[in-house]
C-alpha cells in the first residue's frame, strides 16, 4: 500500500517534467527511440532474406546498416546525456528527428528495391 502512495505522490512530479522545455526534449528523444525500434525490428529478418518479396543486395544491406547505426548512435548519445543529468538542445533533438525521417525513407526505399537519396544523408552511399 505504501508503494501505491509513493507512486501516486510522484505522478505530479513526472507530469511536471514533461511540461518543461527539457522534459519535452527528453520526451521527443524517447519517442524517436520507440519509433526507431519499431521500424528497425524487422531488419534482421529482411537482411537474412526471411521476408517474402524483399531481397536486398549486399550494397543495400551495407547502406541499411550504416543508416540504422547513424540514428542509433544519435539516440544513444542523447539518452546518455539525459541519463547523466545533462541538458540536451533543440538542435540536437531536431537533428535526430531529421535523421530518423531520412532513415525511415531510406529503409522504405531499400525494401522496395530503390536506394533513396535519404540513404546518402545518413552515411550510406549508393
N, C-alpha and C. Protein backbone atom coordinates (compact mmCIF):
# COMPACT_ATOMS: atom_id res chain seq x y z
N UNK A 1 0.82 -1.19 0.00
CA UNK A 1 0.00 0.00 0.00
C UNK A 1 0.86 1.25 0.00
N UNK A 2 1.99 1.21 0.73
CA UNK A 2 2.89 2.36 0.77
C UNK A 2 3.45 2.65 -0.61
N UNK A 3 3.73 1.58 -1.37
CA UNK A 3 4.26 1.76 -2.72
C UNK A 3 3.28 2.49 -3.61
N UNK A 4 2.00 2.17 -3.45
CA UNK A 4 0.97 2.83 -4.26
C UNK A 4 0.93 4.31 -3.96
N UNK A 5 1.03 4.66 -2.68
CA UNK A 5 1.03 6.09 -2.32
C UNK A 5 2.28 6.79 -2.83
N UNK A 6 3.41 6.09 -2.78
CA UNK A 6 4.66 6.66 -3.27
C UNK A 6 4.55 6.94 -4.77
N UNK A 7 4.05 5.97 -5.52
CA UNK A 7 3.90 6.15 -6.96
C UNK A 7 2.91 7.28 -7.26
N UNK A 8 1.79 7.28 -6.57
CA UNK A 8 0.81 8.35 -6.78
C UNK A 8 1.39 9.71 -6.41
N UNK A 9 2.22 9.74 -5.40
CA UNK A 9 2.85 11.00 -5.00
C UNK A 9 3.84 11.51 -6.02
N UNK A 10 4.43 10.61 -6.81
CA UNK A 10 5.41 11.00 -7.81
C UNK A 10 4.78 11.43 -9.13
N UNK A 11 3.54 11.07 -9.36
CA UNK A 11 2.90 11.39 -10.63
C UNK A 11 2.93 12.88 -10.96
N UNK A 12 2.61 13.76 -10.03
CA UNK A 12 2.69 15.19 -10.37
C UNK A 12 4.10 15.63 -10.76
N UNK A 13 5.10 15.03 -10.14
CA UNK A 13 6.48 15.37 -10.49
C UNK A 13 6.81 14.92 -11.90
N UNK A 14 6.36 13.73 -12.25
CA UNK A 14 6.61 13.23 -13.60
C UNK A 14 5.88 14.07 -14.64
N UNK A 15 4.67 14.44 -14.36
CA UNK A 15 3.91 15.27 -15.28
C UNK A 15 4.56 16.64 -15.42
N UNK A 16 5.09 17.16 -14.32
CA UNK A 16 5.72 18.48 -14.36
C UNK A 16 6.97 18.45 -15.22
N UNK A 17 7.69 17.34 -15.20
CA UNK A 17 8.91 17.23 -16.00
C UNK A 17 8.62 17.40 -17.49
N UNK A 18 7.54 16.83 -17.94
CA UNK A 18 7.20 16.91 -19.36
C UNK A 18 6.74 18.30 -19.75
N UNK A 19 6.41 19.13 -18.77
CA UNK A 19 5.97 20.49 -19.06
C UNK A 19 7.14 21.45 -19.24
N UNK A 20 8.33 21.06 -18.84
CA UNK A 20 9.50 21.92 -19.00
C UNK A 20 10.07 21.72 -20.40
N UNK A 21 10.88 22.67 -20.83
CA UNK A 21 11.47 22.51 -22.16
C UNK A 21 12.38 21.29 -22.21
N UNK A 22 13.14 21.03 -21.15
CA UNK A 22 13.98 19.84 -21.12
C UNK A 22 13.13 18.57 -21.10
N UNK A 23 12.03 18.61 -20.37
CA UNK A 23 11.14 17.46 -20.33
C UNK A 23 10.57 17.13 -21.70
N UNK A 24 10.21 18.17 -22.43
CA UNK A 24 9.67 17.97 -23.79
C UNK A 24 10.74 17.45 -24.73
N UNK A 25 11.96 17.98 -24.61
CA UNK A 25 13.05 17.50 -25.46
C UNK A 25 13.38 16.04 -25.16
N UNK A 26 13.40 15.72 -23.88
CA UNK A 26 13.66 14.33 -23.49
C UNK A 26 12.57 13.41 -24.01
N UNK A 27 11.32 13.84 -23.89
CA UNK A 27 10.22 13.02 -24.39
C UNK A 27 10.34 12.82 -25.90
N UNK A 28 10.77 13.84 -26.61
CA UNK A 28 10.95 13.72 -28.06
C UNK A 28 12.02 12.67 -28.37
N UNK A 29 13.09 12.64 -27.60
CA UNK A 29 14.13 11.62 -27.79
C UNK A 29 13.55 10.23 -27.54
N UNK A 30 12.80 10.09 -26.46
CA UNK A 30 12.21 8.78 -26.15
C UNK A 30 11.21 8.36 -27.23
N UNK A 31 10.47 9.31 -27.77
CA UNK A 31 9.52 8.99 -28.84
C UNK A 31 10.25 8.50 -30.10
N UNK A 32 11.34 9.18 -30.46
CA UNK A 32 12.11 8.75 -31.63
C UNK A 32 12.72 7.37 -31.36
N UNK A 33 13.21 7.17 -30.15
CA UNK A 33 13.79 5.87 -29.80
C UNK A 33 12.76 4.76 -29.98
N UNK A 34 11.56 4.98 -29.51
CA UNK A 34 10.49 3.97 -29.66
C UNK A 34 10.17 3.73 -31.13
N UNK A 35 10.03 4.80 -31.89
CA UNK A 35 9.72 4.67 -33.31
C UNK A 35 10.85 3.96 -34.05
N UNK A 36 12.09 4.28 -33.68
CA UNK A 36 13.25 3.64 -34.30
C UNK A 36 13.21 2.13 -34.08
N UNK A 37 12.94 1.72 -32.85
CA UNK A 37 12.93 0.29 -32.56
C UNK A 37 11.80 -0.44 -33.29
N UNK A 38 10.68 0.20 -33.45
CA UNK A 38 9.58 -0.40 -34.21
C UNK A 38 10.00 -0.55 -35.68
N UNK A 39 10.59 0.50 -36.23
CA UNK A 39 11.00 0.48 -37.63
C UNK A 39 12.13 -0.51 -37.89
N UNK A 40 13.09 -0.57 -36.97
CA UNK A 40 14.26 -1.42 -37.17
C UNK A 40 14.03 -2.88 -36.77
N UNK A 41 12.96 -3.16 -36.07
CA UNK A 41 12.71 -4.51 -35.58
C UNK A 41 12.78 -5.59 -36.67
N UNK A 42 12.19 -5.39 -37.84
CA UNK A 42 12.25 -6.45 -38.85
C UNK A 42 13.56 -6.50 -39.64
N UNK A 43 14.48 -5.58 -39.36
CA UNK A 43 15.72 -5.54 -40.16
C UNK A 43 16.48 -6.87 -40.20
N UNK A 44 16.68 -7.54 -39.06
CA UNK A 44 17.42 -8.80 -39.14
C UNK A 44 16.77 -9.82 -40.06
N UNK A 45 15.44 -9.91 -40.02
CA UNK A 45 14.75 -10.87 -40.90
C UNK A 45 14.87 -10.46 -42.36
N UNK A 46 14.77 -9.16 -42.63
CA UNK A 46 14.92 -8.69 -44.01
C UNK A 46 16.33 -8.97 -44.50
N UNK A 47 17.31 -8.67 -43.68
CA UNK A 47 18.71 -8.89 -44.05
C UNK A 47 19.00 -10.36 -44.32
N UNK A 48 18.33 -11.23 -43.57
CA UNK A 48 18.54 -12.67 -43.72
C UNK A 48 17.71 -13.26 -44.86
N UNK A 49 16.92 -12.43 -45.57
CA UNK A 49 16.12 -12.92 -46.67
C UNK A 49 14.89 -13.70 -46.23
N UNK A 50 14.42 -13.46 -45.02
CA UNK A 50 13.29 -14.20 -44.48
C UNK A 50 11.95 -13.50 -44.70
N UNK A 51 11.95 -12.36 -45.38
CA UNK A 51 10.70 -11.64 -45.62
C UNK A 51 10.35 -11.81 -47.11
N UNK A 52 9.27 -12.50 -47.39
CA UNK A 52 8.88 -12.74 -48.79
C UNK A 52 8.71 -11.42 -49.56
N UNK A 53 9.24 -11.39 -50.76
CA UNK A 53 9.09 -10.23 -51.62
C UNK A 53 10.12 -9.14 -51.39
N UNK A 54 11.01 -9.33 -50.43
CA UNK A 54 12.04 -8.32 -50.16
C UNK A 54 13.40 -9.00 -50.25
N UNK A 55 14.19 -8.54 -51.21
CA UNK A 55 15.54 -9.09 -51.38
C UNK A 55 16.52 -7.94 -51.55
N UNK A 56 17.36 -7.74 -50.53
CA UNK A 56 18.34 -6.67 -50.59
C UNK A 56 19.65 -7.18 -51.15
N UNK A 57 20.30 -6.33 -51.92
CA UNK A 57 21.64 -6.66 -52.39
C UNK A 57 22.62 -6.45 -51.23
N UNK A 58 23.83 -6.92 -51.39
CA UNK A 58 24.84 -6.70 -50.35
C UNK A 58 25.08 -5.20 -50.14
N UNK A 59 25.07 -4.45 -51.22
CA UNK A 59 25.26 -3.00 -51.12
C UNK A 59 24.11 -2.37 -50.34
N UNK A 60 22.90 -2.76 -50.62
CA UNK A 60 21.75 -2.23 -49.90
C UNK A 60 21.79 -2.61 -48.42
N UNK A 61 22.25 -3.79 -48.12
CA UNK A 61 22.38 -4.21 -46.72
C UNK A 61 23.39 -3.32 -46.00
N UNK A 62 24.50 -3.04 -46.67
CA UNK A 62 25.54 -2.18 -46.09
C UNK A 62 24.98 -0.79 -45.84
N UNK A 63 24.24 -0.27 -46.81
CA UNK A 63 23.63 1.06 -46.67
C UNK A 63 22.63 1.07 -45.52
N UNK A 64 21.80 0.06 -45.43
CA UNK A 64 20.80 -0.01 -44.36
C UNK A 64 21.46 -0.06 -42.99
N UNK A 65 22.51 -0.85 -42.87
CA UNK A 65 23.22 -0.95 -41.60
C UNK A 65 23.85 0.38 -41.21
N UNK A 66 24.46 1.06 -42.17
CA UNK A 66 25.10 2.35 -41.87
C UNK A 66 24.06 3.39 -41.47
N UNK A 67 22.95 3.44 -42.19
CA UNK A 67 21.90 4.40 -41.89
C UNK A 67 21.30 4.13 -40.52
N UNK A 68 21.03 2.88 -40.23
CA UNK A 68 20.47 2.49 -38.94
C UNK A 68 21.45 2.83 -37.81
N UNK A 69 22.71 2.54 -38.01
CA UNK A 69 23.72 2.79 -36.98
C UNK A 69 23.86 4.28 -36.68
N UNK A 70 23.74 5.12 -37.72
CA UNK A 70 23.82 6.56 -37.52
C UNK A 70 22.73 7.04 -36.58
N UNK A 71 21.51 6.61 -36.83
CA UNK A 71 20.38 7.03 -35.99
C UNK A 71 20.52 6.43 -34.60
N UNK A 72 20.90 5.17 -34.52
CA UNK A 72 21.07 4.53 -33.22
C UNK A 72 22.12 5.27 -32.38
N UNK A 73 23.22 5.65 -33.00
CA UNK A 73 24.28 6.37 -32.28
C UNK A 73 23.78 7.72 -31.75
N UNK A 74 22.99 8.41 -32.56
CA UNK A 74 22.43 9.70 -32.12
C UNK A 74 21.50 9.51 -30.92
N UNK A 75 20.65 8.50 -31.00
CA UNK A 75 19.74 8.21 -29.89
C UNK A 75 20.55 7.91 -28.63
N UNK A 76 21.53 7.04 -28.76
CA UNK A 76 22.35 6.67 -27.60
C UNK A 76 23.06 7.87 -27.00
N UNK A 77 23.58 8.74 -27.83
CA UNK A 77 24.29 9.92 -27.34
C UNK A 77 23.36 10.83 -26.53
N UNK A 78 22.17 11.08 -27.09
CA UNK A 78 21.21 11.93 -26.38
C UNK A 78 20.71 11.26 -25.10
N UNK A 79 20.46 9.97 -25.15
CA UNK A 79 19.99 9.27 -23.96
C UNK A 79 21.07 9.22 -22.88
N UNK A 80 22.32 9.11 -23.28
CA UNK A 80 23.42 9.15 -22.31
C UNK A 80 23.47 10.51 -21.62
N UNK A 81 23.28 11.56 -22.39
CA UNK A 81 23.24 12.91 -21.81
C UNK A 81 22.08 13.04 -20.82
N UNK A 82 20.93 12.52 -21.21
CA UNK A 82 19.75 12.59 -20.33
C UNK A 82 20.02 11.82 -19.04
N UNK A 83 20.53 10.59 -19.17
CA UNK A 83 20.77 9.76 -18.00
C UNK A 83 21.83 10.36 -17.09
N UNK A 84 22.74 11.15 -17.66
CA UNK A 84 23.79 11.80 -16.86
C UNK A 84 23.30 13.08 -16.23
N UNK A 85 22.07 13.47 -16.53
CA UNK A 85 21.51 14.68 -15.97
C UNK A 85 21.92 15.94 -16.71
N UNK A 86 22.49 15.76 -17.89
CA UNK A 86 22.89 16.91 -18.70
C UNK A 86 21.73 17.42 -19.54
N UNK A 87 21.77 18.69 -19.84
CA UNK A 87 20.75 19.28 -20.72
C UNK A 87 21.00 18.84 -22.15
N UNK A 88 19.93 18.73 -22.90
CA UNK A 88 20.03 18.47 -24.33
C UNK A 88 19.45 19.69 -25.04
N UNK A 89 19.81 19.83 -26.31
CA UNK A 89 19.38 21.03 -27.04
C UNK A 89 18.32 20.70 -28.09
N UNK A 90 17.57 21.72 -28.44
CA UNK A 90 16.58 21.58 -29.51
C UNK A 90 17.29 21.22 -30.82
N UNK A 91 18.47 21.78 -31.02
CA UNK A 91 19.23 21.49 -32.24
C UNK A 91 19.57 20.01 -32.33
N UNK A 92 20.01 19.44 -31.22
CA UNK A 92 20.34 18.01 -31.20
C UNK A 92 19.13 17.14 -31.43
N UNK A 93 18.02 17.50 -30.81
CA UNK A 93 16.79 16.71 -30.98
C UNK A 93 16.26 16.86 -32.40
N UNK A 94 16.32 18.06 -32.94
CA UNK A 94 15.86 18.29 -34.32
C UNK A 94 16.70 17.50 -35.31
N UNK A 95 18.01 17.45 -35.07
CA UNK A 95 18.89 16.68 -35.95
C UNK A 95 18.53 15.20 -35.89
N UNK A 96 18.26 14.71 -34.69
CA UNK A 96 17.85 13.31 -34.54
C UNK A 96 16.55 13.05 -35.29
N UNK A 97 15.58 13.93 -35.14
CA UNK A 97 14.30 13.75 -35.82
C UNK A 97 14.46 13.76 -37.33
N UNK A 98 15.30 14.65 -37.83
CA UNK A 98 15.54 14.72 -39.28
C UNK A 98 16.23 13.45 -39.77
N UNK A 99 17.21 12.99 -39.01
CA UNK A 99 17.91 11.77 -39.42
C UNK A 99 17.01 10.54 -39.32
N UNK A 100 16.13 10.52 -38.33
CA UNK A 100 15.18 9.42 -38.25
C UNK A 100 14.26 9.42 -39.47
N UNK A 101 13.80 10.60 -39.87
CA UNK A 101 12.93 10.69 -41.06
C UNK A 101 13.68 10.21 -42.29
N UNK A 102 14.95 10.57 -42.40
CA UNK A 102 15.77 10.09 -43.53
C UNK A 102 15.93 8.58 -43.48
N UNK A 103 16.16 8.04 -42.29
CA UNK A 103 16.28 6.60 -42.13
C UNK A 103 14.99 5.89 -42.53
N UNK A 104 13.88 6.46 -42.12
CA UNK A 104 12.58 5.88 -42.46
C UNK A 104 12.40 5.83 -43.98
N UNK A 105 12.74 6.92 -44.65
CA UNK A 105 12.64 6.99 -46.11
C UNK A 105 13.62 6.02 -46.77
N UNK A 106 14.83 6.01 -46.26
CA UNK A 106 15.86 5.12 -46.79
C UNK A 106 15.44 3.66 -46.68
N UNK A 107 15.04 3.25 -45.49
CA UNK A 107 14.67 1.86 -45.24
C UNK A 107 13.46 1.45 -46.08
N UNK A 108 12.48 2.33 -46.18
CA UNK A 108 11.30 2.02 -47.00
C UNK A 108 11.71 1.83 -48.46
N UNK A 109 12.57 2.69 -48.96
CA UNK A 109 13.02 2.58 -50.35
C UNK A 109 13.83 1.32 -50.58
N UNK A 110 14.75 1.02 -49.68
CA UNK A 110 15.58 -0.18 -49.84
C UNK A 110 14.72 -1.43 -49.91
N UNK A 111 13.68 -1.49 -49.10
CA UNK A 111 12.81 -2.68 -49.10
C UNK A 111 12.02 -2.82 -50.39
N UNK A 112 11.88 -1.72 -51.14
CA UNK A 112 11.17 -1.80 -52.42
C UNK A 112 12.12 -1.89 -53.60
N UNK A 113 13.42 -1.97 -53.31
CA UNK A 113 14.40 -2.15 -54.38
C UNK A 113 15.04 -0.87 -54.88
N UNK A 114 14.74 0.27 -54.26
CA UNK A 114 15.38 1.52 -54.65
C UNK A 114 16.33 1.96 -53.55
N UNK A 115 17.18 2.91 -53.87
CA UNK A 115 18.09 3.47 -52.88
C UNK A 115 17.88 4.98 -52.88
N UNK A 116 16.99 5.46 -52.02
CA UNK A 116 16.68 6.89 -51.98
C UNK A 116 17.89 7.75 -51.59
N UNK A 117 17.85 9.00 -52.00
CA UNK A 117 18.90 9.95 -51.62
C UNK A 117 19.00 10.09 -50.11
N UNK A 118 17.92 9.84 -49.41
CA UNK A 118 17.93 9.94 -47.95
C UNK A 118 18.98 9.01 -47.33
N UNK A 119 19.30 7.93 -48.02
CA UNK A 119 20.30 7.00 -47.51
C UNK A 119 21.68 7.66 -47.45
N UNK A 120 22.00 8.43 -48.48
CA UNK A 120 23.30 9.09 -48.53
C UNK A 120 23.43 10.12 -47.41
N UNK A 121 22.33 10.74 -47.03
CA UNK A 121 22.36 11.73 -45.96
C UNK A 121 22.77 11.11 -44.63
N UNK A 122 22.60 9.81 -44.50
CA UNK A 122 22.93 9.12 -43.26
C UNK A 122 24.23 8.35 -43.33
N UNK A 123 25.02 8.60 -44.34
CA UNK A 123 26.30 7.94 -44.45
C UNK A 123 26.30 6.75 -45.38
N UNK A 124 25.13 6.38 -45.89
CA UNK A 124 25.07 5.29 -46.84
C UNK A 124 25.32 5.83 -48.25
N UNK A 125 26.14 5.18 -48.96
CA UNK A 125 26.43 5.62 -50.33
C UNK A 125 25.73 4.69 -51.32
N UNK A 126 25.35 5.27 -52.46
CA UNK A 126 24.71 4.41 -53.48
C UNK A 126 25.27 4.67 -54.83
